[in-house]
C-alpha atoms as a PDB file:
ATOM      1  CA  MET A   1      -0.025   0.017   0.042  1.00  0.00           C
ATOM      2  CA  ARG A   2       2.775   2.501   0.976  1.00  0.00           C
ATOM      3  CA  LYS A   3       4.595   1.798  -2.350  1.00  0.00           C
ATOM      4  CA  THR A   4       1.327   2.365  -4.282  1.00  0.00           C
ATOM      5  CA  LEU A   5       0.705   5.659  -2.428  1.00  0.00           C
ATOM      6  CA  LEU A   6       4.270   6.829  -3.266  1.00  0.00           C
ATOM      7  CA  LEU A   7       3.795   6.008  -6.952  1.00  0.00           C
ATOM      8  CA  LEU A   8       0.483   7.862  -7.069  1.00  0.00           C
ATOM      9  CA  CYS A   9       2.030  10.836  -5.262  1.00  0.00           C
ATOM     10  CA  VAL A  10       4.867  11.066  -7.741  1.00  0.00           C
ATOM     11  CA  LEU A  11       2.590  10.560 -10.697  1.00  0.00           C
ATOM     12  CA  ALA A  12       0.457  13.428  -9.523  1.00  0.00           C
ATOM     13  CA  SER A  13       3.401  15.775  -9.263  1.00  0.00           C
ATOM     14  CA  ALA A  14       4.630  14.544 -12.661  1.00  0.00           C
ATOM     15  CA  CYS A  15       1.502  15.751 -14.282  1.00  0.00           C
ATOM     16  CA  GLY A  16       1.300  19.266 -12.848  1.00  0.00           C
ATOM     17  CA  GLY A  17       4.613  21.027 -13.023  1.00  0.00           C
ATOM     18  CA  GLN A  18       6.031  23.503 -15.540  1.00  0.00           C
ATOM     19  CA  GLU A  19       9.710  22.621 -15.611  1.00  0.00           C
ATOM     20  CA  ALA A  20      10.863  21.402 -19.045  1.00  0.00           C
ATOM     21  CA  ASP A  21      13.815  18.970 -19.074  1.00  0.00           C
ATOM     22  CA  VAL A  22      14.114  17.750 -22.635  1.00  0.00           C
ATOM     23  CA  ALA A  23      16.445  19.884 -24.749  1.00  0.00           C
ATOM     24  CA  ASP A  24      15.133  22.234 -27.461  1.00  0.00           C
ATOM     25  CA  ARG A  25      16.174  20.377 -30.518  1.00  0.00           C
ATOM     26  CA  SER A  26      17.331  23.574 -32.202  1.00  0.00           C
ATOM     27  CA  GLY A  27      19.350  24.771 -29.296  1.00  0.00           C
ATOM     28  CA  ALA A  28      23.139  24.481 -28.705  1.00  0.00           C
ATOM     29  CA  GLY A  29      24.984  23.154 -25.702  1.00  0.00           C
ATOM     30  CA  SER A  30      28.567  22.863 -24.722  1.00  0.00           C
ATOM     31  CA  ASP A  31      28.241  19.160 -23.796  1.00  0.00           C
ATOM     32  CA  LEU A  32      31.785  18.916 -22.301  1.00  0.00           C
ATOM     33  CA  VAL A  33      33.458  17.149 -19.508  1.00  0.00           C
ATOM     34  CA  VAL A  34      34.065  19.351 -16.438  1.00  0.00           C
ATOM     35  CA  SER A  35      36.191  17.351 -14.057  1.00  0.00           C
ATOM     36  CA  ASN A  36      36.613  14.016 -12.449  1.00  0.00           C
ATOM     37  CA  GLY A  37      33.176  12.679 -11.467  1.00  0.00           C
ATOM     38  CA  GLU A  38      31.235  15.822 -12.482  1.00  0.00           C
ATOM     39  CA  GLN A  39      30.133  15.893 -16.084  1.00  0.00           C
ATOM     40  CA  LEU A  40      27.872  17.861 -18.429  1.00  0.00           C
ATOM     41  CA  ASN A  41      25.068  15.943 -20.031  1.00  0.00           C
ATOM     42  CA  GLY A  42      24.133  16.203 -23.709  1.00  0.00           C
ATOM     43  CA  GLU A  43      21.744  14.473 -25.994  1.00  0.00           C
ATOM     44  CA  GLN A  44      24.105  13.939 -28.876  1.00  0.00           C
ATOM     45  CA  LEU A  45      25.291  10.386 -29.571  1.00  0.00           C
ATOM     46  CA  ASN A  46      28.079  11.057 -32.020  1.00  0.00           C
ATOM     47  CA  GLY A  47      28.356  14.752 -32.784  1.00  0.00           C
ATOM     48  CA  GLU A  48      25.124  14.856 -34.613  1.00  0.00           C
ATOM     49  CA  GLN A  49      21.501  14.560 -33.488  1.00  0.00           C
ATOM     50  CA  LEU A  50      19.991  11.068 -33.721  1.00  0.00           C
ATOM     51  CA  ASN A  51      17.601  12.563 -36.397  1.00  0.00           C
ATOM     52  CA  GLY A  52      20.580  13.891 -38.264  1.00  0.00           C
ATOM     53  CA  GLU A  53      20.014  17.584 -37.510  1.00  0.00           C
ATOM     54  CA  GLN A  54      22.996  19.701 -36.527  1.00  0.00           C
ATOM     55  CA  LEU A  55      23.194  21.943 -33.433  1.00  0.00           C
ATOM     56  CA  ASN A  56      24.165  25.408 -34.751  1.00  0.00           C
ATOM     57  CA  GLY A  57      26.657  23.832 -37.045  1.00  0.00           C
ATOM     58  CA  ALA A  58      28.319  21.703 -34.411  1.00  0.00           C
ATOM     59  CA  GLY A  59      28.678  17.977 -35.122  1.00  0.00           C
ATOM     60  CA  MET A  60      29.357  16.284 -38.484  1.00  0.00           C
ATOM     61  CA  GLY A  61      29.785  17.815 -41.846  1.00  0.00           C
ATOM     62  CA  VAL A  62      27.971  14.718 -43.164  1.00  0.00           C
ATOM     63  CA  ASN A  63      25.934  12.364 -41.088  1.00  0.00           C
ATOM     64  CA  VAL A  64      27.960   9.126 -41.199  1.00  0.00           C
ATOM     65  CA  ALA A  65      26.140   6.126 -39.763  1.00  0.00           C
ATOM     66  CA  SER A  66      29.117   3.816 -39.840  1.00  0.00           C
ATOM     67  CA  THR A  67      32.385   3.161 -41.700  1.00  0.00           C
ATOM     68  CA  SER A  68      33.408  -0.139 -43.183  1.00  0.00           C
ATOM     69  CA  PHE A  69      36.808  -1.955 -42.934  1.00  0.00           C
ATOM     70  CA  SER A  70      36.018  -3.416 -46.378  1.00  0.00           C
ATOM     71  CA  GLY A  71      37.413  -1.335 -49.196  1.00  0.00           C
ATOM     72  CA  ALA A  72      40.005   0.479 -47.097  1.00  0.00           C
ATOM     73  CA  ALA A  73      43.096   1.610 -48.999  1.00  0.00           C
ATOM     74  CA  MET A  74      46.483   3.135 -48.219  1.00  0.00           C
ATOM     75  CA  GLU A  75      47.584   6.566 -49.336  1.00  0.00           C
ATOM     76  CA  ASP A  76      49.099   5.295 -52.615  1.00  0.00           C
ATOM     77  CA  GLY A  77      45.826   3.580 -53.418  1.00  0.00           C
ATOM     78  CA  THR A  78      47.009   0.055 -52.303  1.00  0.00           C
ATOM     79  CA  PRO A  79      43.782  -1.802 -51.333  1.00  0.00           C
ATOM     80  CA  LEU A  80      43.958  -3.532 -47.929  1.00  0.00           C
ATOM     81  CA  GLU A  81      43.038  -7.285 -48.017  1.00  0.00           C
ATOM     82  CA  SER A  82      41.949  -6.931 -44.377  1.00  0.00           C
ATOM     83  CA  SER A  83      41.899  -4.181 -41.740  1.00  0.00           C
ATOM     84  CA  TRP A  84      40.913  -3.905 -38.122  1.00  0.00           C
ATOM     85  CA  LEU A  85      41.260  -1.902 -34.953  1.00  0.00           C
ATOM     86  CA  GLU A  86      43.334  -2.700 -31.856  1.00  0.00           C
ATOM     87  CA  GLY A  87      41.932  -0.330 -29.383  1.00  0.00           C
ATOM     88  CA  THR A  88      42.046   2.905 -31.358  1.00  0.00           C
ATOM     89  CA  VAL A  89      44.953   1.930 -33.562  1.00  0.00           C
ATOM     90  CA  PHE A  90      44.390   0.856 -37.244  1.00  0.00           C
ATOM     91  CA  HIS A  91      46.038  -2.297 -38.607  1.00  0.00           C
ATOM     92  CA  GLY A  92      45.806  -3.846 -41.972  1.00  0.00           C
ATOM     93  CA  PHE A  93      47.382  -6.373 -44.445  1.00  0.00           C
ATOM     94  CA  ALA A  94      48.212  -5.865 -48.161  1.00  0.00           C
ATOM     95  CA  ASN A  95      50.550  -7.809 -50.370  1.00  0.00           C
ATOM     96  CA  GLY A  96      52.024  -9.775 -47.443  1.00  0.00           C
ATOM     97  CA  HIS A  97      52.886  -6.637 -45.512  1.00  0.00           C
ATOM     98  CA  GLU A  98      51.228  -5.402 -42.298  1.00  0.00           C
ATOM     99  CA  PHE A  99      50.437  -1.706 -41.963  1.00  0.00           C
ATOM    100  CA  ALA A 100      49.720  -0.127 -38.565  1.00  0.00           C
ATOM    101  CA  GLY A 101      49.447   3.166 -36.723  1.00  0.00           C
ATOM    102  CA  ALA A 102      51.119   6.058 -38.579  1.00  0.00           C
ATOM    103  CA  ASP A 103      50.950   4.094 -41.818  1.00  0.00           C
ATOM    104  CA  PHE A 104      47.264   4.965 -41.974  1.00  0.00           C
ATOM    105  CA  THR A 105      47.971   8.647 -42.505  1.00  0.00           C
ATOM    106  CA  HIS A 106      45.952   9.514 -45.646  1.00  0.00           C
ATOM    107  CA  ALA A 107      44.300   6.099 -45.666  1.00  0.00           C
ATOM    108  CA  ARG A 108      40.826   6.021 -47.137  1.00  0.00           C
ATOM    109  CA  PHE A 109      37.658   4.272 -45.901  1.00  0.00           C
ATOM    110  CA  ARG A 110      34.178   3.780 -47.256  1.00  0.00           C
ATOM    111  CA  ALA A 111      31.301   5.010 -45.133  1.00  0.00           C
ATOM    112  CA  THR A 112      27.550   5.150 -45.235  1.00  0.00           C
ATOM    113  CA  THR A 113      25.327   8.081 -44.331  1.00  0.00           C
ATOM    114  CA  PHE A 114      22.063   7.881 -42.448  1.00  0.00           C
ATOM    115  CA  ASP A 115      20.099   7.752 -45.697  1.00  0.00           C
ATOM    116  CA  GLY A 116      22.304   4.953 -47.106  1.00  0.00           C
ATOM    117  CA  ALA A 117      24.370   7.096 -49.438  1.00  0.00           C
ATOM    118  CA  PRO A 118      28.129   6.169 -49.834  1.00  0.00           C
ATOM    119  CA  VAL A 119      30.744   8.669 -48.748  1.00  0.00           C
ATOM    120  CA  GLU A 120      34.552   8.410 -48.834  1.00  0.00           C
ATOM    121  CA  LEU A 121      36.625   9.344 -45.773  1.00  0.00           C
ATOM    122  CA  ARG A 122      40.338   9.839 -45.343  1.00  0.00           C
ATOM    123  CA  VAL A 123      42.643  10.297 -42.390  1.00  0.00           C
ATOM    124  CA  ALA A 124      44.446  13.624 -42.715  1.00  0.00           C
ATOM    125  CA  ASN A 125      46.653  13.120 -39.608  1.00  0.00           C
ATOM    126  CA  PHE A 126      46.679  11.575 -36.157  1.00  0.00           C
ATOM    127  CA  ALA A 127      47.701  12.355 -32.598  1.00  0.00           C
ATOM    128  CA  GLN A 128      48.401  10.152 -29.612  1.00  0.00           C
ATOM    129  CA  GLN A 129      47.246  11.227 -26.138  1.00  0.00           C
ATOM    130  CA  THR A 130      49.865  11.431 -23.381  1.00  0.00           C
ATOM    131  CA  PRO A 131      50.252   8.720 -20.656  1.00  0.00           C
ATOM    132  CA  PRO A 132      48.299   7.190 -19.058  1.00  0.00           C
ATOM    133  CA  ASP A 133      45.968   7.701 -21.994  1.00  0.00           C
ATOM    134  CA  ASP A 134      48.498   6.916 -24.722  1.00  0.00           C
ATOM    135  CA  ASP A 135      46.274   4.069 -25.820  1.00  0.00           C
ATOM    136  CA  VAL A 136      43.891   6.673 -27.253  1.00  0.00           C
ATOM    137  CA  TRP A 137      44.722   7.754 -30.746  1.00  0.00           C
ATOM    138  CA  THR A 138      42.695  10.534 -32.312  1.00  0.00           C
ATOM    139  CA  TYR A 139      42.400  11.303 -36.003  1.00  0.00           C
ATOM    140  CA  GLN A 140      41.661  14.374 -38.188  1.00  0.00           C
ATOM    141  CA  VAL A 141      39.113  12.764 -40.542  1.00  0.00           C
ATOM    142  CA  GLU A 142      37.846  14.370 -43.808  1.00  0.00           C
ATOM    143  CA  PHE A 143      35.021  13.456 -46.121  1.00  0.00           C
ATOM    144  CA  GLN A 144      34.933  14.023 -49.877  1.00  0.00           C
ATOM    145  CA  THR A 145      32.315  16.490 -50.996  1.00  0.00           C
ATOM    146  CA  ALA A 146      30.379  16.246 -54.230  1.00  0.00           C
ATOM    147  CA  ASN A 147      32.894  18.459 -56.035  1.00  0.00           C
ATOM    148  CA  GLY A 148      35.781  16.315 -54.938  1.00  0.00           C
ATOM    149  CA  ALA A 149      37.117  18.581 -52.190  1.00  0.00           C
ATOM    150  CA  TRP A 150      37.915  17.291 -48.747  1.00  0.00           C
ATOM    151  CA  SER A 151      36.245  18.822 -45.665  1.00  0.00           C
ATOM    152  CA  PRO A 152      36.440  17.973 -41.923  1.00  0.00           C
ATOM    153  CA  LEU A 153      34.049  15.246 -40.818  1.00  0.00           C
ATOM    154  CA  CYS A 154      33.717  16.562 -37.243  1.00  0.00           C
ATOM    155  CA  HIS A 155      33.557  20.228 -36.285  1.00  0.00           C
ATOM    156  CA  ASP A 156      32.457  22.298 -33.254  1.00  0.00           C
ATOM    157  CA  ALA A 157      29.856  25.103 -33.076  1.00  0.00           C
ATOM    158  CA  SER A 158      32.391  27.625 -34.428  1.00  0.00           C
ATOM    159  CA  GLY A 159      33.135  25.412 -37.375  1.00  0.00           C
ATOM    160  CA  ALA A 160      36.678  24.430 -36.160  1.00  0.00           C
ATOM    161  CA  ALA A 161      37.687  20.913 -37.109  1.00  0.00           C
ATOM    162  CA  VAL A 162      37.497  18.334 -34.255  1.00  0.00           C
ATOM    163  CA  ARG A 163      39.319  15.062 -34.105  1.00  0.00           C
ATOM    164  CA  ALA A 164      37.614  11.622 -34.039  1.00  0.00           C
ATOM    165  CA  ILE A 165      38.245   8.500 -31.948  1.00  0.00           C
ATOM    166  CA  PRO A 166      37.639   5.275 -33.898  1.00  0.00           C
ATOM    167  CA  LEU A 167      35.692   2.671 -31.916  1.00  0.00           C
ATOM    168  CA  ALA A 168      34.786  -0.867 -32.997  1.00  0.00           C
ATOM    169  CA  GLY A 169      31.251  -1.570 -34.143  1.00  0.00           C
ATOM    170  CA  ARG A 170      28.342   0.659 -35.071  1.00  0.00           C
ATOM    171  CA  TRP A 171      25.316   2.224 -33.360  1.00  0.00           C
ATOM    172  CA  ASN A 172      21.541   2.302 -33.705  1.00  0.00           C
ATOM    173  CA  TYR A 173      20.647   5.962 -34.058  1.00  0.00           C
ATOM    174  CA  GLY A 174      16.927   5.406 -33.655  1.00  0.00           C
ATOM    175  CA  ARG A 175      14.834   7.179 -31.005  1.00  0.00           C
ATOM    176  CA  GLY A 176      11.889   5.722 -29.255  1.00  0.00           C
ATOM    177  CA  VAL A 177      12.283   2.371 -30.849  1.00  0.00           C
ATOM    178  CA  PRO A 178      13.511  -1.052 -29.625  1.00  0.00           C
ATOM    179  CA  GLY A 179      17.257  -1.080 -29.914  1.00  0.00           C
ATOM    180  CA  GLY A 180      17.545   2.708 -30.231  1.00  0.00           C
ATOM    181  CA  GLY A 181      20.763   4.028 -28.908  1.00  0.00           C
ATOM    182  CA  ALA A 182      22.382   0.634 -28.659  1.00  0.00           C
ATOM    183  CA  HIS A 183      25.795  -0.506 -29.804  1.00  0.00           C
ATOM    184  CA  ILE A 184      25.910  -3.105 -32.565  1.00  0.00           C
ATOM    185  CA  ASP A 185      28.881  -5.493 -32.387  1.00  0.00           C
ATOM    186  CA  ASP A 186      29.682  -5.624 -36.124  1.00  0.00           C
ATOM    187  CA  PRO A 187      33.251  -6.824 -36.827  1.00  0.00           C
ATOM    188  CA  GLY A 188      33.099  -5.373 -40.312  1.00  0.00           C
ATOM    189  CA  ALA A 189      32.391  -1.827 -39.188  1.00  0.00           C
ATOM    190  CA  PHE A 190      33.621   0.886 -36.919  1.00  0.00           C
ATOM    191  CA  THR A 191      32.573   4.365 -35.773  1.00  0.00           C
ATOM    192  CA  PHE A 192      34.516   7.598 -36.022  1.00  0.00           C
ATOM    193  CA  ALA A 193      33.262   9.131 -32.742  1.00  0.00           C
ATOM    194  CA  CYS A 194      33.694  12.960 -32.718  1.00  0.00           C
ATOM    195  CA  LYS A 195      35.814  13.857 -29.737  1.00  0.00           C
ATOM    196  CA  ASP A 196      34.008  15.906 -26.992  1.00  0.00           C
ATOM    197  CA  LEU A 197      30.937  16.280 -29.195  1.00  0.00           C
ATOM    198  CA  GLY A 198      28.909  13.174 -28.276  1.00  0.00           C
ATOM    199  CA  ALA A 199      28.438  10.527 -25.608  1.00  0.00           C
ATOM    200  CA  ILE A 200      30.121   7.738 -27.647  1.00  0.00           C
ATOM    201  CA  ALA A 201      33.537   9.467 -27.648  1.00  0.00           C
ATOM    202  CA  LYS A 202      33.261  11.191 -24.253  1.00  0.00           C
ATOM    203  CA  CYS A 203      32.476   7.951 -22.384  1.00  0.00           C
ATOM    204  CA  ALA A 204      35.603   6.398 -23.821  1.00  0.00           C
ATOM    205  CA  PHE A 205      37.875   9.501 -23.356  1.00  0.00           C
ATOM    206  CA  PRO A 206      38.237  11.476 -21.215  1.00  0.00           C
ATOM    207  CA  ILE A 207      35.679   9.795 -18.885  1.00  0.00           C
ATOM    208  CA  GLY A 208      37.633   6.604 -19.052  1.00  0.00           C
ATOM    209  CA  TYR A 209      35.355   3.737 -19.979  1.00  0.00           C
ATOM    210  CA  LYS A 210      37.545   2.454 -22.835  1.00  0.00           C
ATOM    211  CA  PRO A 211      35.580  -0.432 -24.400  1.00  0.00           C
ATOM    212  CA  TRP A 212      38.780  -2.153 -25.591  1.00  0.00           C
ATOM    213  CA  LYS A 213      40.189  -2.337 -22.057  1.00  0.00           C
ATOM    214  CA  SER A 214      39.675  -4.405 -18.844  1.00  0.00           C
ATOM    215  CA  VAL A 215      40.156  -3.388 -15.240  1.00  0.00           C
ATOM    216  CA  ASN A 216      40.857  -6.231 -12.784  1.00  0.00           C
ATOM    217  CA  SER A 217      39.738  -8.649 -15.500  1.00  0.00           C
ATOM    218  CA  VAL A 218      36.472  -6.815 -15.878  1.00  0.00           C
ATOM    219  CA  SER A 219      35.717  -5.600 -19.403  1.00  0.00           C
ATOM    220  CA  LEU A 220      34.945  -1.845 -19.740  1.00  0.00           C
ATOM    221  CA  ALA A 221      32.728  -2.364 -22.784  1.00  0.00           C
ATOM    222  CA  PRO A 222      29.449  -2.592 -20.882  1.00  0.00           C
ATOM    223  CA  TYR A 223      30.530   0.351 -18.747  1.00  0.00           C
ATOM    224  CA  HIS A 224      31.004   2.351 -21.950  1.00  0.00           C
ATOM    225  CA  LEU A 225      27.499   1.442 -23.126  1.00  0.00           C
ATOM    226  CA  ALA A 226      25.937   2.305 -19.781  1.00  0.00           C
ATOM    227  CA  CYS A 227      27.763   5.649 -19.731  1.00  0.00           C
ATOM    228  CA  VAL A 228      26.387   6.502 -23.181  1.00  0.00           C
ATOM    229  CA  ARG A 229      22.802   5.830 -21.891  1.00  0.00           C
ATOM    230  CA  MET A 230      23.560   7.909 -18.797  1.00  0.00           C
ATOM    231  CA  LEU A 231      24.977  10.986 -20.493  1.00  0.00           C
ATOM    232  CA  ARG A 232      21.932  11.167 -22.724  1.00  0.00           C
ATOM    233  CA  ALA A 233      19.531  10.291 -19.917  1.00  0.00           C
ATOM    234  CA  ASP A 234      18.199   7.432 -22.095  1.00  0.00           C
ATOM    235  CA  TYR A 235      16.200   6.060 -19.207  1.00  0.00           C
ATOM    236  CA  CYS A 236      14.048   3.624 -21.203  1.00  0.00           C
ATOM    237  CA  GLY A 237      16.898   2.231 -23.307  1.00  0.00           C
ATOM    238  CA  ASP A 238      15.106   3.186 -26.585  1.00  0.00           C
ATOM    239  CA  GLY A 239      17.379   5.961 -27.791  1.00  0.00           C
ATOM    240  CA  THR A 240      15.222   8.807 -26.487  1.00  0.00           C
ATOM    241  CA  PRO A 241      17.220  11.429 -24.552  1.00  0.00           C
ATOM    242  CA  TRP A 242      15.628  13.015 -21.445  1.00  0.00           C
ATOM    243  CA  THR A 243      18.332  15.427 -20.699  1.00  0.00           C
ATOM    244  CA  GLN A 244      19.411  18.995 -21.492  1.00  0.00           C
ATOM    245  CA  ASN A 245      22.716  19.908 -23.056  1.00  0.00           C
ATOM    246  CA  GLY A 246      24.982  21.226 -20.285  1.00  0.00           C
ATOM    247  CA  ARG A 247      22.996  19.598 -17.413  1.00  0.00           C
ATOM    248  CA  ARG A 248      25.491  18.823 -14.674  1.00  0.00           C
ATOM    249  CA  ILE A 249      25.727  15.298 -13.173  1.00  0.00           C
ATOM    250  CA  ASP A 250      28.200  13.540 -10.919  1.00  0.00           C
ATOM    251  CA  LEU A 251      28.890  10.003 -12.067  1.00  0.00           C
ATOM    252  CA  TYR A 252      30.684   7.120 -10.307  1.00  0.00           C
ATOM    253  CA  ASP A 253      31.183   3.381 -10.595  1.00  0.00           C
ATOM    254  CA  GLY A 254      32.234   0.376  -8.548  1.00  0.00           C
ATOM    255  CA  LEU A 255      35.597   0.042 -10.248  1.00  0.00           C
ATOM    256  CA  GLY A 256      36.983   3.398  -9.141  1.00  0.00           C
ATOM    257  CA  ILE A 257      37.364   4.790 -12.640  1.00  0.00           C
ATOM    258  CA  GLN A 258      35.044   7.622 -11.742  1.00  0.00           C
ATOM    259  CA  ARG A 259      34.409   8.523  -8.043  1.00  0.00           C
ATOM    260  CA  MET A 260      31.648  10.570  -6.435  1.00  0.00           C
ATOM    261  CA  SER A 261      32.515  14.175  -6.036  1.00  0.00           C
ATOM    262  CA  ARG A 262      29.147  15.789  -5.262  1.00  0.00           C
ATOM    263  CA  PRO A 263      27.739  13.690  -2.312  1.00  0.00           C
ATOM    264  CA  LEU A 264      25.194  16.453  -1.444  1.00  0.00           C
ATOM    265  CA  TRP A 265      23.531  16.391  -4.848  1.00  0.00           C
ATOM    266  CA  PHE A 266      20.302  14.391  -5.370  1.00  0.00           C
ATOM    267  CA  PHE A 267      20.672  10.808  -6.481  1.00  0.00           C
ATOM    268  CA  GLU A 268      19.412  10.218 -10.043  1.00  0.00           C
ATOM    269  CA  ALA A 269      19.703   6.722 -11.403  1.00  0.00           C
ATOM    270  CA  GLU A 270      21.547   3.476 -11.684  1.00  0.00           C
ATOM    271  CA  TRP A 271      22.599   2.525 -15.254  1.00  0.00           C
ATOM    272  CA  SER A 272      23.335  -0.608 -17.265  1.00  0.00           C
ATOM    273  CA  GLU A 273      23.783  -1.254 -20.944  1.00  0.00           C
ATOM    274  CA  GLY A 274      20.014  -1.253 -21.437  1.00  0.00           C
ATOM    275  CA  GLY A 275      19.226   2.198 -19.839  1.00  0.00           C
ATOM    276  CA  ALA A 276      18.243   3.100 -16.349  1.00  0.00           C
ATOM    277  CA  VAL A 277      18.086   0.205 -13.889  1.00  0.00           C
ATOM    278  CA  CYS A 278      16.115   2.395 -11.481  1.00  0.00           C
ATOM    279  CA  LEU A 279      15.440   6.007 -10.823  1.00  0.00           C
ATOM    280  CA  SER A 280      14.972   8.102  -7.662  1.00  0.00           C
ATOM    281  CA  LYS A 281      11.777   9.920  -6.722  1.00  0.00           C
ATOM    282  CA  GLU A 282      13.606  13.206  -6.910  1.00  0.00           C
ATOM    283  CA  ARG A 283      14.592  12.731 -10.486  1.00  0.00           C
ATOM    284  CA  VAL A 284      11.143  11.615 -11.539  1.00  0.00           C
ATOM    285  CA  THR A 285       9.698  14.691  -9.801  1.00  0.00           C
ATOM    286  CA  SER A 286      12.098  16.934 -11.696  1.00  0.00           C
ATOM    287  CA  LEU A 287      10.798  15.407 -14.945  1.00  0.00           C
ATOM    288  CA  ARG A 288       7.155  16.183 -14.081  1.00  0.00           C
ATOM    289  CA  ALA A 289       6.484  18.551 -17.007  1.00  0.00           C
ATOM    290  CA  THR A 290       7.665  16.091 -19.648  1.00  0.00           C
ATOM    291  CA  LEU A 291       6.301  12.773 -18.470  1.00  0.00           C
ATOM    292  CA  ARG A 292       3.440  11.560 -20.632  1.00  0.00           C
ATOM    293  CA  ALA A 293       1.990   8.440 -22.207  1.00  0.00           C
ATOM    294  CA  ALA A 294       4.211   5.361 -22.687  1.00  0.00           C
ATOM    295  CA  ALA A 295       7.469   7.202 -21.884  1.00  0.00           C
ATOM    296  CA  GLY A 296       6.068   8.359 -18.529  1.00  0.00           C
ATOM    297  CA  SER A 297       4.902   4.790 -17.786  1.00  0.00           C
ATOM    298  CA  CYS A 298       8.317   3.451 -18.559  1.00  0.00           C
ATOM    299  CA  ILE A 299      10.110   5.945 -16.316  1.00  0.00           C
ATOM    300  CA  LEU A 300       7.600   5.599 -13.467  1.00  0.00           C
ATOM    301  CA  SER A 301       8.071   1.819 -13.526  1.00  0.00           C
ATOM    302  CA  LYS A 302      11.648   2.338 -12.666  1.00  0.00           C
ATOM    303  CA  LEU A 303      10.973   4.143  -9.424  1.00  0.00           C
ATOM    304  CA  SER A 304      12.712   2.315  -6.540  1.00  0.00           C
ATOM    305  CA  PRO A 305      13.219   3.422  -2.900  1.00  0.00           C
ATOM    306  CA  THR A 306      16.498   1.413  -2.789  1.00  0.00           C
ATOM    307  CA  CYS A 307      17.903   3.018  -5.930  1.00  0.00           C
ATOM    308  CA  GLY A 308      21.534   4.070  -5.253  1.00  0.00           C
ATOM    309  CA  ASN A 309      22.498   1.302  -2.975  1.00  0.00           C
ATOM    310  CA  GLY A 310      26.200   0.628  -3.526  1.00  0.00           C
ATOM    311  CA  ASP A 311      25.565  -3.120  -3.280  1.00  0.00           C
ATOM    312  CA  HIS A 312      23.880  -2.926  -6.670  1.00  0.00           C
ATOM    313  CA  PHE A 313      27.301  -2.535  -8.357  1.00  0.00           C
ATOM    314  CA  ARG A 314      27.569  -6.327  -7.694  1.00  0.00           C
ATOM    315  CA  SER A 315      24.279  -7.140  -9.380  1.00  0.00           C
ATOM    316  CA  GLY A 316      24.426  -5.607 -12.880  1.00  0.00           C
ATOM    317  CA  THR A 317      24.550  -1.879 -12.197  1.00  0.00           C
ATOM    318  CA  ARG A 318      27.533  -0.406 -14.067  1.00  0.00           C
ATOM    319  CA  VAL A 319      27.379   3.357 -13.115  1.00  0.00           C
ATOM    320  CA  MET A 320      25.370   5.659 -10.970  1.00  0.00           C
ATOM    321  CA  ASP A 321      24.946   9.401 -10.970  1.00  0.00           C
ATOM    322  CA  ARG A 322      23.771  12.418  -8.932  1.00  0.00           C
ATOM    323  CA  PHE A 323      22.283  15.697 -10.208  1.00  0.00           C
ATOM    324  CA  ALA A 324      21.784  19.203  -9.052  1.00  0.00           C
ATOM    325  CA  PHE A 325      18.497  21.021  -9.160  1.00  0.00           C
ATOM    326  CA  PRO A 326      18.724  24.360 -11.117  1.00  0.00           C
ATOM    327  CA  GLY A 327      20.249  26.980  -8.903  1.00  0.00           C
ATOM    328  CA  LEU A 328      21.687  24.564  -6.479  1.00  0.00           C
ATOM    329  CA  GLY A 329      25.424  25.184  -6.173  1.00  0.00           C
ATOM    330  CA  LEU A 330      26.645  22.663  -3.608  1.00  0.00           C
END
């Protein structure tokens, strides 16, 4: 009975407020990492909106859905018989010779846009992060325009070129559909994730959930997926973001990669690869103006008075986060 009354109470407040929490799809947000633990949310998955629309010019020059290892070629046009990623470093074979790392400067790849059109990409240059993140290589990637010119694939709101981090597999860019926002383990494809512009890249670096690594024999791949859901507030695990660009959260995990830095903030949710495991009453209340229909039912079904218990890190929860109400500066 008490649980039912609590649910009815929260539902009542969810239907009567005025606070909007879903971002204006035409607005811009910085969507950057602040410090250890504390982050800024953003609805972008990979530098572009999931519907392909740009945010004030920030994102991708062309909306690439995925890039193929098949058809890759070196600078001189030599086709690669096979190619792959080891972490963020490219490798390939051609004519009995293995190419790797810096050999891929000016290499070309075949990609596909959201609408299925082919587009050619090339690596203009690369850079390696400093230790302890020297396993992260970033690439200046360009796409070939209709007139044959080369233009940066990733760019920020000012139009400045942004580097990309290659990550194995591809992503489902759907919203509000089964599988939306999920990673697809496709050995024949990879994703150029725009650095600092979307959740895919940020969760790998600088947040630290590098999907190619393990910590204490625990793979970080599911932590990366959970982080992507979290930064976009994809509570229902269907690709729908319930956040605002620039909304501050404090994230932490049971591995010690990210540690709690804002203990006085309100607890928000526990996260796994499939979305929110559970939500707090405070977060559901803060969403009161936007809860409706099926989405509201999904979110309300995740209410739990025990949400945030640290023991849950041992039972499937990958990451947790806290949030600040607007105007709260603790």
